[in-house]
Amino acid sequence: MKKCPVCESNKINIADCGYITFNRGFVECKDCGFKINYKNLNSENDFKDSWNRDINYMEQLVDLNEKDKNSLLISLFLKDTIAVGSMIEKINKLNEGG
């Protein structure tokens, strides 16, 4: 799994509601508390894959100029409107230094 984008810790916790399918849960850094909520995932691997994908998007956004950020956010929005709102909040935190 990718490290926490805020503090670069590799101490990452996965928690879910315990349902067999359509799990709600989150992935959270044990050191700084950075957390991404997820829903409708079926396995621990789904949570890991989603975390890695979202951290990749965040890393890309931090390095992009404003026009490119907006283009990427629009494409993400069209793919997954729920995750984008959460991701925008996390990206703003990263850009503010924490």
Protein backbone atom coordinates (compact mmCIF):
# COMPACT_ATOMS: atom_id res chain seq x y z
CA MET A 1 0.00 0.00 0.00
CA LYS A 2 1.04 3.55 -0.65
CA LYS A 3 2.25 5.64 2.27
CA CYS A 4 0.15 8.36 3.85
CA PRO A 5 0.31 11.47 1.62
CA VAL A 6 0.34 13.79 4.63
CA CYS A 7 3.01 12.35 6.96
CA GLU A 8 4.48 9.58 4.74
CA SER A 9 3.85 6.92 7.37
CA ASN A 10 3.33 3.35 6.24
CA LYS A 11 1.18 2.56 9.29
CA ILE A 12 -2.16 2.32 7.50
CA ASN A 13 -5.33 0.89 9.03
CA ILE A 14 -8.24 -0.58 7.07
CA ALA A 15 -11.61 -0.81 8.80
CA ASP A 16 -14.99 -1.84 7.47
CA CYS A 17 -18.51 -2.39 8.76
CA GLY A 18 -18.23 -6.18 8.54
CA TYR A 19 -20.88 -6.81 5.91
CA ILE A 20 -20.11 -9.48 3.35
CA THR A 21 -20.85 -7.23 0.36
CA PHE A 22 -21.28 -3.51 -0.19
CA ASN A 23 -18.96 -2.76 2.69
CA ARG A 24 -18.67 0.75 4.06
CA GLY A 25 -15.38 1.54 5.69
CA PHE A 26 -12.26 3.64 5.63
CA VAL A 27 -8.51 3.59 5.25
CA GLU A 28 -6.68 5.72 7.82
CA CYS A 29 -3.12 6.65 8.74
CA LYS A 30 -2.41 5.48 12.29
CA ASP A 31 0.13 8.28 12.82
CA CYS A 32 -1.58 11.47 11.64
CA GLY A 33 -5.22 10.39 11.26
CA PHE A 34 -5.52 11.18 7.54
CA LYS A 35 -8.55 9.17 6.41
CA ILE A 36 -10.50 8.37 3.26
CA ASN A 37 -14.00 6.92 3.58
CA TYR A 38 -15.25 4.34 1.10
CA LYS A 39 -18.46 2.53 0.39
CA ASN A 40 -19.51 -0.44 -1.69
CA LEU A 41 -16.22 -2.31 -1.52
CA ASN A 42 -16.19 -6.08 -1.17
CA SER A 43 -12.78 -7.00 0.19
CA GLU A 44 -9.63 -5.76 1.89
CA ASN A 45 -7.97 -5.77 -1.53
CA ASP A 46 -10.69 -3.42 -2.81
CA PHE A 47 -9.91 -1.01 0.03
CA LYS A 48 -6.18 -1.22 -0.71
CA ASP A 49 -6.71 -0.69 -4.44
CA SER A 50 -8.99 2.29 -3.81
CA TRP A 51 -6.50 3.84 -1.36
CA ASN A 52 -3.61 3.42 -3.80
CA ARG A 53 -5.67 4.87 -6.66
CA ASP A 54 -6.76 7.89 -4.61
CA ILE A 55 -3.26 8.59 -3.32
CA ASN A 56 -1.98 8.42 -6.91
CA TYR A 57 -4.60 11.01 -7.93
CA MET A 58 -3.61 13.24 -5.02
CA GLU A 59 0.07 13.04 -5.86
CA GLN A 60 -0.73 14.01 -9.45
CA LEU A 61 -2.88 16.94 -8.37
CA VAL A 62 -0.30 18.42 -6.03
CA ASP A 63 2.15 18.66 -8.94
CA LEU A 64 -0.30 20.10 -11.49
CA ASN A 65 -1.03 23.72 -12.28
CA GLU A 66 -4.54 25.05 -11.60
CA LYS A 67 -5.87 24.44 -15.14
CA ASP A 68 -4.64 20.84 -15.14
CA LYS A 69 -6.05 20.25 -11.64
CA ASN A 70 -9.47 21.38 -12.79
CA SER A 71 -9.34 19.13 -15.86
CA LEU A 72 -8.39 16.11 -13.77
CA LEU A 73 -11.06 16.87 -11.16
CA ILE A 74 -13.72 17.11 -13.86
CA SER A 75 -12.71 13.75 -15.31
CA LEU A 76 -12.76 12.22 -11.81
CA PHE A 77 -16.12 13.80 -11.11
CA LEU A 78 -17.60 12.16 -14.15
CA LYS A 79 -16.28 8.78 -12.96
CA ASP A 80 -17.09 8.95 -9.25
CA THR A 81 -18.93 11.91 -7.77
CA ILE A 82 -18.80 10.59 -4.21
CA ALA A 83 -15.05 10.10 -4.03
CA VAL A 84 -14.26 13.44 -5.64
CA GLY A 85 -15.78 15.54 -2.85
CA SER A 86 -13.75 13.69 -0.27
CA MET A 87 -10.66 13.88 -2.45
CA ILE A 88 -10.96 17.64 -3.01
CA GLU A 89 -11.05 18.16 0.74
CA LYS A 90 -7.93 16.01 1.21
CA ILE A 91 -6.12 17.80 -1.63
CA ASN A 92 -6.89 21.19 -0.12
CA LYS A 93 -5.44 19.96 3.17
CA LEU A 94 -2.28 18.80 1.40
CA ASN A 95 -1.91 22.12 -0.42
CA GLU A 96 -2.29 23.98 2.88
CA GLY A 97 0.54 21.91 4.38
CA GLY A 98 -1.34 19.44 6.49
